[in-house]
């Protein structure tokens, strides 16, 4: 290749059009995933409004932030099997009624619900179903797996800043779901941490959804100050499940 041909080749490469960028793919074509739609009225003024997709994406975000496992995210009212058992039918009915009434009772003293008693009767299933439906209404929920959370908080007590930051999410959540309350051996630290969480929520009318294997008497024996606050918050929405026949893990 002579010098002239080489120069022509250089110029051709220099002036080739830029390669086209990959086309952006949006989940929502209307708002391009911004969550907002811009409108211009007859006077030429711009207005923005929430896109229809925003509620669904917020519900998804709340679910991801709630720490509820993927397995339990799929547990709803429809797939809670009562198998004709009156206790289970009553439990499901109370769970649905609580969800339906939630926005009316949220800021009242009796704004919580508790499922207690028999292992394997679907207490966690119903609690999660309530949470999932609340999050679909853009009501954020924080999930607290009692034993794991208490253990983690106790490990952070020596670091006051980290402890306050961690426990704050459970104290101040709009809705707190405590799963398997009082599971395992109870220590003085457990009592102190739970009192801090429950008392704040009690004083500020912040709802709690609870599941526990303990009886009402055992809740009061654990700590009367904590137990009595929980019982008052859940009054009218306490579901007691009794009998090994309710344990779906033992059914064939």
C-alpha atoms as a PDB file:
ATOM      1  CA  UNK A   1       0.000   0.000   0.000  1.00  0.00           C
ATOM      2  CA  UNK A   2       1.472   3.356  -1.058  1.00  0.00           C
ATOM      3  CA  UNK A   3       1.348   6.507   1.060  1.00  0.00           C
ATOM      4  CA  UNK A   4      -1.695   7.931  -0.794  1.00  0.00           C
ATOM      5  CA  UNK A   5      -3.793   4.795  -0.314  1.00  0.00           C
ATOM      6  CA  UNK A   6      -2.851   4.692   3.353  1.00  0.00           C
ATOM      7  CA  UNK A   7      -4.002   8.300   3.810  1.00  0.00           C
ATOM      8  CA  UNK A   8      -7.377   7.560   2.131  1.00  0.00           C
ATOM      9  CA  UNK A   9      -7.883   4.570   4.439  1.00  0.00           C
ATOM     10  CA  UNK A  10      -7.108   6.724   7.466  1.00  0.00           C
ATOM     11  CA  UNK A  11      -9.616   9.366   6.417  1.00  0.00           C
ATOM     12  CA  UNK A  12     -12.337   6.768   5.767  1.00  0.00           C
ATOM     13  CA  UNK A  13     -11.938   5.301   9.255  1.00  0.00           C
ATOM     14  CA  UNK A  14     -11.919   8.772  10.810  1.00  0.00           C
ATOM     15  CA  UNK A  15     -15.217   9.756   9.206  1.00  0.00           C
ATOM     16  CA  UNK A  16     -17.137   6.540   9.736  1.00  0.00           C
ATOM     17  CA  UNK A  17     -20.432   7.157  11.584  1.00  0.00           C
ATOM     18  CA  UNK A  18     -20.455   6.400  15.319  1.00  0.00           C
ATOM     19  CA  UNK A  19     -21.918   3.007  16.139  1.00  0.00           C
ATOM     20  CA  UNK A  20     -25.498   3.233  17.331  1.00  0.00           C
ATOM     21  CA  UNK A  21     -26.012   2.942  21.064  1.00  0.00           C
ATOM     22  CA  UNK A  22     -28.012   0.018  22.298  1.00  0.00           C
ATOM     23  CA  UNK A  23     -31.625   1.011  22.609  1.00  0.00           C
ATOM     24  CA  UNK A  24     -32.659   1.623  26.215  1.00  0.00           C
ATOM     25  CA  UNK A  25     -35.186  -0.937  27.426  1.00  0.00           C
ATOM     26  CA  UNK A  26     -37.654   0.331  30.022  1.00  0.00           C
ATOM     27  CA  UNK A  27     -40.006  -1.666  32.205  1.00  0.00           C
ATOM     28  CA  UNK A  28     -42.574   1.110  31.772  1.00  0.00           C
ATOM     29  CA  UNK A  29     -42.666   2.848  28.399  1.00  0.00           C
ATOM     30  CA  UNK A  30     -45.040   5.554  29.654  1.00  0.00           C
ATOM     31  CA  UNK A  31     -42.696   7.081  32.241  1.00  0.00           C
ATOM     32  CA  UNK A  32     -39.412   5.448  31.191  1.00  0.00           C
ATOM     33  CA  UNK A  33     -39.071   4.076  34.741  1.00  0.00           C
ATOM     34  CA  UNK A  34     -38.976   7.559  36.297  1.00  0.00           C
ATOM     35  CA  UNK A  35     -42.272   7.037  38.127  1.00  0.00           C
ATOM     36  CA  UNK A  36     -43.568  10.384  36.824  1.00  0.00           C
ATOM     37  CA  UNK A  37     -45.489  11.493  33.742  1.00  0.00           C
ATOM     38  CA  UNK A  38     -45.229  15.071  32.516  1.00  0.00           C
ATOM     39  CA  UNK A  39     -48.387  16.763  31.252  1.00  0.00           C
ATOM     40  CA  UNK A  40     -48.797  20.181  29.612  1.00  0.00           C
ATOM     41  CA  UNK A  41     -52.179  21.864  30.084  1.00  0.00           C
ATOM     42  CA  UNK A  42     -54.015  24.197  27.720  1.00  0.00           C
ATOM     43  CA  UNK A  43     -52.174  27.192  29.179  1.00  0.00           C
ATOM     44  CA  UNK A  44     -48.820  25.624  28.441  1.00  0.00           C
ATOM     45  CA  UNK A  45     -48.069  24.887  32.102  1.00  0.00           C
ATOM     46  CA  UNK A  46     -46.260  21.658  32.929  1.00  0.00           C
ATOM     47  CA  UNK A  47     -47.598  19.284  35.547  1.00  0.00           C
ATOM     48  CA  UNK A  48     -46.265  15.953  36.728  1.00  0.00           C
ATOM     49  CA  UNK A  49     -48.205  13.051  38.174  1.00  0.00           C
ATOM     50  CA  UNK A  50     -47.370   9.597  39.422  1.00  0.00           C
ATOM     51  CA  UNK A  51     -47.343   6.913  36.751  1.00  0.00           C
ATOM     52  CA  UNK A  52     -49.594   3.880  37.176  1.00  0.00           C
ATOM     53  CA  UNK A  53     -46.500   1.691  37.486  1.00  0.00           C
ATOM     54  CA  UNK A  54     -45.262   3.505  40.603  1.00  0.00           C
ATOM     55  CA  UNK A  55     -47.524   1.717  43.085  1.00  0.00           C
ATOM     56  CA  UNK A  56     -46.434  -1.717  41.843  1.00  0.00           C
ATOM     57  CA  UNK A  57     -42.742  -0.814  41.958  1.00  0.00           C
ATOM     58  CA  UNK A  58     -43.090   0.661  45.458  1.00  0.00           C
ATOM     59  CA  UNK A  59     -44.812  -2.516  46.643  1.00  0.00           C
ATOM     60  CA  UNK A  60     -41.943  -4.559  45.190  1.00  0.00           C
ATOM     61  CA  UNK A  61     -39.387  -2.324  46.916  1.00  0.00           C
ATOM     62  CA  UNK A  62     -41.188  -2.601  50.253  1.00  0.00           C
ATOM     63  CA  UNK A  63     -41.223  -6.377  49.937  1.00  0.00           C
ATOM     64  CA  UNK A  64     -37.494  -6.501  49.177  1.00  0.00           C
ATOM     65  CA  UNK A  65     -36.716  -4.201  52.124  1.00  0.00           C
ATOM     66  CA  UNK A  66     -38.997  -6.105  54.493  1.00  0.00           C
ATOM     67  CA  UNK A  67     -36.559  -9.061  54.715  1.00  0.00           C
ATOM     68  CA  UNK A  68     -39.427 -11.500  54.177  1.00  0.00           C
ATOM     69  CA  UNK A  69     -37.951 -14.498  52.352  1.00  0.00           C
ATOM     70  CA  UNK A  70     -38.878 -15.235  48.751  1.00  0.00           C
ATOM     71  CA  UNK A  71     -40.535 -18.460  49.878  1.00  0.00           C
ATOM     72  CA  UNK A  72     -42.945 -16.646  52.179  1.00  0.00           C
ATOM     73  CA  UNK A  73     -43.630 -13.790  49.747  1.00  0.00           C
ATOM     74  CA  UNK A  74     -45.816 -16.244  47.825  1.00  0.00           C
ATOM     75  CA  UNK A  75     -47.954 -17.135  50.834  1.00  0.00           C
ATOM     76  CA  UNK A  76     -51.289 -15.348  50.597  1.00  0.00           C
ATOM     77  CA  UNK A  77     -54.796 -15.727  51.924  1.00  0.00           C
ATOM     78  CA  UNK A  78     -55.878 -17.799  48.931  1.00  0.00           C
ATOM     79  CA  UNK A  79     -53.320 -20.562  49.428  1.00  0.00           C
ATOM     80  CA  UNK A  80     -53.791 -20.854  53.193  1.00  0.00           C
ATOM     81  CA  UNK A  81     -55.477 -24.258  53.487  1.00  0.00           C
ATOM     82  CA  UNK A  82     -58.020 -24.617  56.297  1.00  0.00           C
ATOM     83  CA  UNK A  83     -58.989 -28.205  55.369  1.00  0.00           C
ATOM     84  CA  UNK A  84     -62.414 -27.623  56.861  1.00  0.00           C
ATOM     85  CA  UNK A  85     -60.968 -27.070  60.345  1.00  0.00           C
ATOM     86  CA  UNK A  86     -62.951 -24.455  62.284  1.00  0.00           C
ATOM     87  CA  UNK A  87     -59.928 -23.088  64.109  1.00  0.00           C
ATOM     88  CA  UNK A  88     -58.020 -22.543  60.874  1.00  0.00           C
ATOM     89  CA  UNK A  89     -61.079 -21.054  59.178  1.00  0.00           C
ATOM     90  CA  UNK A  90     -61.451 -18.621  62.087  1.00  0.00           C
ATOM     91  CA  UNK A  91     -57.749 -17.708  61.934  1.00  0.00           C
ATOM     92  CA  UNK A  92     -57.951 -16.993  58.205  1.00  0.00           C
ATOM     93  CA  UNK A  93     -61.118 -14.931  58.668  1.00  0.00           C
ATOM     94  CA  UNK A  94     -59.498 -12.818  61.414  1.00  0.00           C
ATOM     95  CA  UNK A  95     -56.413 -12.233  59.274  1.00  0.00           C
ATOM     96  CA  UNK A  96     -58.483 -11.043  56.312  1.00  0.00           C
ATOM     97  CA  UNK A  97     -60.676  -8.844  58.516  1.00  0.00           C
ATOM     98  CA  UNK A  98     -57.608  -7.273  60.116  1.00  0.00           C
ATOM     99  CA  UNK A  99     -56.165  -6.419  56.710  1.00  0.00           C
ATOM    100  CA  UNK A 100     -59.472  -4.968  55.527  1.00  0.00           C
ATOM    101  CA  UNK A 101     -59.820  -2.804  58.641  1.00  0.00           C
ATOM    102  CA  UNK A 102     -56.162  -1.834  58.943  1.00  0.00           C
ATOM    103  CA  UNK A 103     -56.368   1.696  57.587  1.00  0.00           C
ATOM    104  CA  UNK A 104     -59.249   2.491  59.931  1.00  0.00           C
ATOM    105  CA  UNK A 105     -57.562   1.173  63.077  1.00  0.00           C
ATOM    106  CA  UNK A 106     -53.895   1.887  62.294  1.00  0.00           C
ATOM    107  CA  UNK A 107     -53.545   4.838  64.656  1.00  0.00           C
ATOM    108  CA  UNK A 108     -55.707   3.477  67.471  1.00  0.00           C
ATOM    109  CA  UNK A 109     -54.613   1.649  70.612  1.00  0.00           C
ATOM    110  CA  UNK A 110     -55.950  -1.724  69.381  1.00  0.00           C
ATOM    111  CA  UNK A 111     -54.267  -1.785  65.988  1.00  0.00           C
ATOM    112  CA  UNK A 112     -52.326  -5.067  66.164  1.00  0.00           C
ATOM    113  CA  UNK A 113     -52.906  -8.795  65.678  1.00  0.00           C
ATOM    114  CA  UNK A 114     -51.368 -11.938  67.146  1.00  0.00           C
ATOM    115  CA  UNK A 115     -51.422 -15.600  66.115  1.00  0.00           C
ATOM    116  CA  UNK A 116     -50.336 -17.873  68.964  1.00  0.00           C
ATOM    117  CA  UNK A 117     -50.208 -21.544  69.863  1.00  0.00           C
ATOM    118  CA  UNK A 118     -49.772 -24.736  67.901  1.00  0.00           C
ATOM    119  CA  UNK A 119     -46.574 -25.307  65.954  1.00  0.00           C
ATOM    120  CA  UNK A 120     -47.109 -25.772  62.219  1.00  0.00           C
ATOM    121  CA  UNK A 121     -50.615 -24.289  62.115  1.00  0.00           C
ATOM    122  CA  UNK A 122     -49.693 -21.619  59.551  1.00  0.00           C
ATOM    123  CA  UNK A 123     -49.264 -18.646  61.895  1.00  0.00           C
ATOM    124  CA  UNK A 124     -46.338 -17.297  59.892  1.00  0.00           C
ATOM    125  CA  UNK A 125     -48.259 -17.892  56.656  1.00  0.00           C
ATOM    126  CA  UNK A 126     -51.161 -15.691  57.799  1.00  0.00           C
ATOM    127  CA  UNK A 127     -48.873 -13.016  59.192  1.00  0.00           C
ATOM    128  CA  UNK A 128     -46.961 -12.872  55.924  1.00  0.00           C
ATOM    129  CA  UNK A 129     -50.200 -12.770  53.909  1.00  0.00           C
ATOM    130  CA  UNK A 130     -51.273  -9.676  55.858  1.00  0.00           C
ATOM    131  CA  UNK A 131     -47.880  -8.066  55.271  1.00  0.00           C
ATOM    132  CA  UNK A 132     -47.892  -8.806  51.532  1.00  0.00           C
ATOM    133  CA  UNK A 133     -51.338  -7.289  51.108  1.00  0.00           C
ATOM    134  CA  UNK A 134     -50.394  -4.199  53.117  1.00  0.00           C
ATOM    135  CA  UNK A 135     -47.301  -3.677  50.982  1.00  0.00           C
ATOM    136  CA  UNK A 136     -49.454  -3.947  47.866  1.00  0.00           C
ATOM    137  CA  UNK A 137     -51.238  -0.871  49.259  1.00  0.00           C
ATOM    138  CA  UNK A 138     -47.848   0.877  49.568  1.00  0.00           C
ATOM    139  CA  UNK A 139     -47.791   0.423  53.342  1.00  0.00           C
ATOM    140  CA  UNK A 140     -44.210  -0.521  54.299  1.00  0.00           C
ATOM    141  CA  UNK A 141     -43.642  -3.434  56.655  1.00  0.00           C
ATOM    142  CA  UNK A 142     -40.465  -4.509  58.466  1.00  0.00           C
ATOM    143  CA  UNK A 143     -40.063  -8.221  59.169  1.00  0.00           C
ATOM    144  CA  UNK A 144     -38.363  -9.262  62.414  1.00  0.00           C
ATOM    145  CA  UNK A 145     -37.352 -12.917  62.737  1.00  0.00           C
ATOM    146  CA  UNK A 146     -37.293 -12.844  66.536  1.00  0.00           C
ATOM    147  CA  UNK A 147     -34.420 -15.194  67.424  1.00  0.00           C
ATOM    148  CA  UNK A 148     -32.039 -14.036  64.668  1.00  0.00           C
ATOM    149  CA  UNK A 149     -32.768 -10.371  65.253  1.00  0.00           C
ATOM    150  CA  UNK A 150     -32.405 -10.536  69.038  1.00  0.00           C
ATOM    151  CA  UNK A 151     -29.077 -12.361  68.680  1.00  0.00           C
ATOM    152  CA  UNK A 152     -27.788  -9.741  66.235  1.00  0.00           C
ATOM    153  CA  UNK A 153     -28.922  -6.825  68.406  1.00  0.00           C
ATOM    154  CA  UNK A 154     -27.270  -8.294  71.512  1.00  0.00           C
ATOM    155  CA  UNK A 155     -23.988  -8.540  69.605  1.00  0.00           C
ATOM    156  CA  UNK A 156     -24.184  -4.817  68.823  1.00  0.00           C
ATOM    157  CA  UNK A 157     -25.022  -3.553  72.317  1.00  0.00           C
ATOM    158  CA  UNK A 158     -21.366  -2.669  72.987  1.00  0.00           C
ATOM    159  CA  UNK A 159     -21.427  -0.313  69.968  1.00  0.00           C
ATOM    160  CA  UNK A 160     -24.123   2.177  70.922  1.00  0.00           C
ATOM    161  CA  UNK A 161     -24.220   3.887  67.516  1.00  0.00           C
ATOM    162  CA  UNK A 162     -24.600   0.637  65.566  1.00  0.00           C
ATOM    163  CA  UNK A 163     -27.105  -0.731  68.067  1.00  0.00           C
ATOM    164  CA  UNK A 164     -29.305   2.380  67.896  1.00  0.00           C
ATOM    165  CA  UNK A 165     -29.186   2.351  64.099  1.00  0.00           C
ATOM    166  CA  UNK A 166     -30.170  -1.333  63.900  1.00  0.00           C
ATOM    167  CA  UNK A 167     -32.930  -1.352  66.510  1.00  0.00           C
ATOM    168  CA  UNK A 168     -34.414   1.888  65.167  1.00  0.00           C
ATOM    169  CA  UNK A 169     -35.811   0.140  62.086  1.00  0.00           C
ATOM    170  CA  UNK A 170     -37.896  -2.149  64.324  1.00  0.00           C
ATOM    171  CA  UNK A 171     -38.895   0.543  66.797  1.00  0.00           C
ATOM    172  CA  UNK A 172     -40.086   3.078  64.234  1.00  0.00           C
ATOM    173  CA  UNK A 173     -41.363   0.932  61.347  1.00  0.00           C
ATOM    174  CA  UNK A 174     -44.832   1.867  60.214  1.00  0.00           C
ATOM    175  CA  UNK A 175     -45.790  -1.805  60.618  1.00  0.00           C
ATOM    176  CA  UNK A 176     -43.619  -4.384  62.394  1.00  0.00           C
ATOM    177  CA  UNK A 177     -44.061  -8.123  61.927  1.00  0.00           C
ATOM    178  CA  UNK A 178     -42.434 -10.116  64.753  1.00  0.00           C
ATOM    179  CA  UNK A 179     -42.241 -13.774  63.744  1.00  0.00           C
ATOM    180  CA  UNK A 180     -41.781 -16.536  66.351  1.00  0.00           C
ATOM    181  CA  UNK A 181     -41.777 -14.197  69.344  1.00  0.00           C
ATOM    182  CA  UNK A 182     -39.910 -15.649  72.373  1.00  0.00           C
ATOM    183  CA  UNK A 183     -38.431 -18.535  70.379  1.00  0.00           C
ATOM    184  CA  UNK A 184     -35.508 -20.118  72.221  1.00  0.00           C
ATOM    185  CA  UNK A 185     -33.940 -19.409  75.600  1.00  0.00           C
ATOM    186  CA  UNK A 186     -34.892 -16.025  77.075  1.00  0.00           C
ATOM    187  CA  UNK A 187     -32.277 -13.822  78.751  1.00  0.00           C
ATOM    188  CA  UNK A 188     -32.388 -10.495  80.569  1.00  0.00           C
ATOM    189  CA  UNK A 189     -31.021  -8.833  77.419  1.00  0.00           C
ATOM    190  CA  UNK A 190     -33.924 -10.269  75.396  1.00  0.00           C
ATOM    191  CA  UNK A 191     -36.377  -8.683  77.826  1.00  0.00           C
ATOM    192  CA  UNK A 192     -34.661  -5.299  77.704  1.00  0.00           C
ATOM    193  CA  UNK A 193     -34.529  -5.230  73.904  1.00  0.00           C
ATOM    194  CA  UNK A 194     -38.140  -6.332  73.501  1.00  0.00           C
ATOM    195  CA  UNK A 195     -39.337  -3.790  76.053  1.00  0.00           C
ATOM    196  CA  UNK A 196     -37.545  -1.047  74.124  1.00  0.00           C
ATOM    197  CA  UNK A 197     -39.281  -2.072  70.890  1.00  0.00           C
ATOM    198  CA  UNK A 198     -42.746  -2.862  72.243  1.00  0.00           C
ATOM    199  CA  UNK A 199     -43.000   0.089  74.622  1.00  0.00           C
ATOM    200  CA  UNK A 200     -42.126   2.645  71.927  1.00  0.00           C
ATOM    201  CA  UNK A 201     -44.649   1.161  69.545  1.00  0.00           C
ATOM    202  CA  UNK A 202     -47.265   0.965  72.309  1.00  0.00           C
ATOM    203  CA  UNK A 203     -46.760   4.620  73.295  1.00  0.00           C
ATOM    204  CA  UNK A 204     -46.889   5.781  69.664  1.00  0.00           C
ATOM    205  CA  UNK A 205     -49.734   3.536  68.402  1.00  0.00           C
ATOM    206  CA  UNK A 206     -47.553   1.745  65.862  1.00  0.00           C
ATOM    207  CA  UNK A 207     -49.059  -1.615  64.764  1.00  0.00           C
ATOM    208  CA  UNK A 208     -47.439  -4.977  65.413  1.00  0.00           C
ATOM    209  CA  UNK A 209     -48.232  -8.292  63.727  1.00  0.00           C
ATOM    210  CA  UNK A 210     -47.040 -11.223  65.830  1.00  0.00           C
ATOM    211  CA  UNK A 211     -46.741 -14.975  65.642  1.00  0.00           C
ATOM    212  CA  UNK A 212     -45.650 -17.048  68.625  1.00  0.00           C
ATOM    213  CA  UNK A 213     -45.860 -20.570  69.970  1.00  0.00           C
ATOM    214  CA  UNK A 214     -46.365 -19.169  73.466  1.00  0.00           C
ATOM    215  CA  UNK A 215     -49.719 -18.999  75.266  1.00  0.00           C
ATOM    216  CA  UNK A 216     -51.122 -15.752  76.635  1.00  0.00           C
ATOM    217  CA  UNK A 217     -50.099 -16.844  80.139  1.00  0.00           C
ATOM    218  CA  UNK A 218     -46.526 -17.477  78.965  1.00  0.00           C
ATOM    219  CA  UNK A 219     -46.381 -14.021  77.385  1.00  0.00           C
ATOM    220  CA  UNK A 220     -47.308 -12.428  80.695  1.00  0.00           C
ATOM    221  CA  UNK A 221     -44.881 -14.672  82.582  1.00  0.00           C
ATOM    222  CA  UNK A 222     -42.045 -13.711  80.252  1.00  0.00           C
ATOM    223  CA  UNK A 223     -42.474 -10.083  81.290  1.00  0.00           C
ATOM    224  CA  UNK A 224     -45.759  -8.584  82.441  1.00  0.00           C
ATOM    225  CA  UNK A 225     -44.918  -5.087  81.180  1.00  0.00           C
ATOM    226  CA  UNK A 226     -44.234  -6.380  77.666  1.00  0.00           C
ATOM    227  CA  UNK A 227     -46.977  -9.017  77.639  1.00  0.00           C
ATOM    228  CA  UNK A 228     -49.707  -6.685  78.898  1.00  0.00           C
ATOM    229  CA  UNK A 229     -48.849  -4.059  76.287  1.00  0.00           C
ATOM    230  CA  UNK A 230     -48.959  -6.640  73.510  1.00  0.00           C
ATOM    231  CA  UNK A 231     -52.278  -8.047  74.704  1.00  0.00           C
ATOM    232  CA  UNK A 232     -53.823  -4.591  74.884  1.00  0.00           C
ATOM    233  CA  UNK A 233     -52.627  -3.687  71.384  1.00  0.00           C
ATOM    234  CA  UNK A 234     -53.964  -6.984  69.999  1.00  0.00           C
ATOM    235  CA  UNK A 235     -57.241  -7.052  71.922  1.00  0.00           C
ATOM    236  CA  UNK A 236     -59.997  -8.232  69.596  1.00  0.00           C
ATOM    237  CA  UNK A 237     -57.414  -9.688  67.208  1.00  0.00           C
ATOM    238  CA  UNK A 238     -55.873 -12.506  69.238  1.00  0.00           C
ATOM    239  CA  UNK A 239     -56.036 -15.861  67.454  1.00  0.00           C
ATOM    240  CA  UNK A 240     -55.298 -18.922  69.605  1.00  0.00           C
ATOM    241  CA  UNK A 241     -54.624 -22.199  67.797  1.00  0.00           C
ATOM    242  CA  UNK A 242     -54.592 -25.425  69.797  1.00  0.00           C
ATOM    243  CA  UNK A 243     -54.215 -29.106  68.946  1.00  0.00           C
ATOM    244  CA  UNK A 244     -51.562 -31.198  67.162  1.00  0.00           C
ATOM    245  CA  UNK A 245     -54.065 -31.962  64.418  1.00  0.00           C
ATOM    246  CA  UNK A 246     -53.436 -28.394  63.193  1.00  0.00           C
ATOM    247  CA  UNK A 247     -49.759 -29.113  62.512  1.00  0.00           C
ATOM    248  CA  UNK A 248     -49.619 -29.431  58.730  1.00  0.00           C
ATOM    249  CA  UNK A 249     -46.069 -30.797  59.003  1.00  0.00           C
ATOM    250  CA  UNK A 250     -47.437 -33.943  60.640  1.00  0.00           C
ATOM    251  CA  UNK A 251     -50.276 -34.463  58.151  1.00  0.00           C
ATOM    252  CA  UNK A 252     -49.859 -37.016  55.407  1.00  0.00           C
END
